[in-house]
C-alpha atoms as a PDB file:
ATOM      1  CA  UNK A   1      -1.123  60.699  43.946  1.00  0.00           C
ATOM      2  CA  UNK A   2      -1.893  64.309  43.179  1.00  0.00           C
ATOM      3  CA  UNK A   3      -2.256  65.556  39.619  1.00  0.00           C
ATOM      4  CA  UNK A   4      -0.260  68.501  38.349  1.00  0.00           C
ATOM      5  CA  UNK A   5      -1.806  69.470  35.001  1.00  0.00           C
ATOM      6  CA  UNK A   6       0.932  67.782  33.016  1.00  0.00           C
ATOM      7  CA  UNK A   7      -0.002  66.630  29.524  1.00  0.00           C
ATOM      8  CA  UNK A   8       0.570  62.944  30.325  1.00  0.00           C
ATOM      9  CA  UNK A   9       0.143  60.638  33.281  1.00  0.00           C
ATOM     10  CA  UNK A  10       3.859  59.909  33.199  1.00  0.00           C
ATOM     11  CA  UNK A  11       4.508  63.642  33.522  1.00  0.00           C
ATOM     12  CA  UNK A  12       2.241  63.827  36.566  1.00  0.00           C
ATOM     13  CA  UNK A  13       4.033  60.815  38.072  1.00  0.00           C
ATOM     14  CA  UNK A  14       7.433  62.456  37.619  1.00  0.00           C
ATOM     15  CA  UNK A  15       6.292  65.768  39.093  1.00  0.00           C
ATOM     16  CA  UNK A  16       4.658  63.949  42.000  1.00  0.00           C
ATOM     17  CA  UNK A  17       7.946  62.155  42.651  1.00  0.00           C
ATOM     18  CA  UNK A  18       9.709  65.502  42.865  1.00  0.00           C
ATOM     19  CA  UNK A  19       7.034  66.926  45.167  1.00  0.00           C
ATOM     20  CA  UNK A  20       6.962  63.859  47.409  1.00  0.00           C
ATOM     21  CA  UNK A  21      10.754  63.978  47.723  1.00  0.00           C
ATOM     22  CA  UNK A  22      10.495  67.634  48.735  1.00  0.00           C
ATOM     23  CA  UNK A  23       7.804  66.852  51.308  1.00  0.00           C
ATOM     24  CA  UNK A  24       9.727  63.919  52.782  1.00  0.00           C
ATOM     25  CA  UNK A  25      12.946  65.936  53.062  1.00  0.00           C
ATOM     26  CA  UNK A  26      11.331  69.301  53.843  1.00  0.00           C
ATOM     27  CA  UNK A  27      12.832  70.892  50.719  1.00  0.00           C
ATOM     28  CA  UNK A  28      11.411  74.258  49.717  1.00  0.00           C
ATOM     29  CA  UNK A  29       9.632  75.476  46.597  1.00  0.00           C
ATOM     30  CA  UNK A  30      12.888  76.735  45.071  1.00  0.00           C
ATOM     31  CA  UNK A  31      14.304  73.200  45.230  1.00  0.00           C
ATOM     32  CA  UNK A  32      11.210  71.852  43.467  1.00  0.00           C
ATOM     33  CA  UNK A  33      11.407  74.549  40.773  1.00  0.00           C
ATOM     34  CA  UNK A  34      15.052  73.684  40.116  1.00  0.00           C
ATOM     35  CA  UNK A  35      13.992  70.070  39.480  1.00  0.00           C
ATOM     36  CA  UNK A  36      11.023  71.146  37.337  1.00  0.00           C
ATOM     37  CA  UNK A  37      13.399  73.219  35.211  1.00  0.00           C
ATOM     38  CA  UNK A  38      15.540  70.146  34.580  1.00  0.00           C
ATOM     39  CA  UNK A  39      12.454  68.072  33.772  1.00  0.00           C
ATOM     40  CA  UNK A  40      11.179  70.740  31.380  1.00  0.00           C
ATOM     41  CA  UNK A  41      14.357  70.352  29.302  1.00  0.00           C
ATOM     42  CA  UNK A  42      13.065  66.941  28.218  1.00  0.00           C
ATOM     43  CA  UNK A  43      10.810  67.516  25.173  1.00  0.00           C
ATOM     44  CA  UNK A  44       8.042  65.202  26.403  1.00  0.00           C
ATOM     45  CA  UNK A  45       7.858  67.112  29.693  1.00  0.00           C
ATOM     46  CA  UNK A  46       8.432  70.682  28.525  1.00  0.00           C
ATOM     47  CA  UNK A  47       5.243  71.748  30.318  1.00  0.00           C
ATOM     48  CA  UNK A  48       6.798  71.147  33.743  1.00  0.00           C
ATOM     49  CA  UNK A  49       7.322  74.892  34.229  1.00  0.00           C
ATOM     50  CA  UNK A  50       3.809  75.888  33.148  1.00  0.00           C
ATOM     51  CA  UNK A  51       1.919  78.107  35.574  1.00  0.00           C
ATOM     52  CA  UNK A  52      -0.801  75.525  36.241  1.00  0.00           C
ATOM     53  CA  UNK A  53       1.801  72.889  37.125  1.00  0.00           C
ATOM     54  CA  UNK A  54       3.638  75.250  39.481  1.00  0.00           C
ATOM     55  CA  UNK A  55       0.363  76.295  41.134  1.00  0.00           C
ATOM     56  CA  UNK A  56      -0.517  72.633  41.733  1.00  0.00           C
ATOM     57  CA  UNK A  57       2.947  72.101  43.208  1.00  0.00           C
ATOM     58  CA  UNK A  58       2.506  75.064  45.565  1.00  0.00           C
ATOM     59  CA  UNK A  59      -0.869  73.683  46.644  1.00  0.00           C
ATOM     60  CA  UNK A  60       0.656  70.302  47.539  1.00  0.00           C
ATOM     61  CA  UNK A  61       3.615  71.845  49.344  1.00  0.00           C
ATOM     62  CA  UNK A  62       1.314  74.186  51.262  1.00  0.00           C
ATOM     63  CA  UNK A  63      -0.791  71.236  52.452  1.00  0.00           C
ATOM     64  CA  UNK A  64       2.374  69.964  54.136  1.00  0.00           C
ATOM     65  CA  UNK A  65       3.468  73.313  55.596  1.00  0.00           C
ATOM     66  CA  UNK A  66       6.339  73.888  53.186  1.00  0.00           C
ATOM     67  CA  UNK A  67       5.143  77.216  51.782  1.00  0.00           C
ATOM     68  CA  UNK A  68       5.508  80.402  53.792  1.00  0.00           C
END
């Protein structure tokens, strides 16, 4: 499992689930961001839209050819 600079391990697990779903289904970055926005509405995971998290997401998506 990749890490995404979330404040907790459970946050990293949730973000990784979103990213792995995107990879499996060939969803794009915009799809992932829409899910991160929903996750960030939960107080414990409000860091889901932080720059470092989004950069880690882009890195993982790029490794699988999902970033142009």
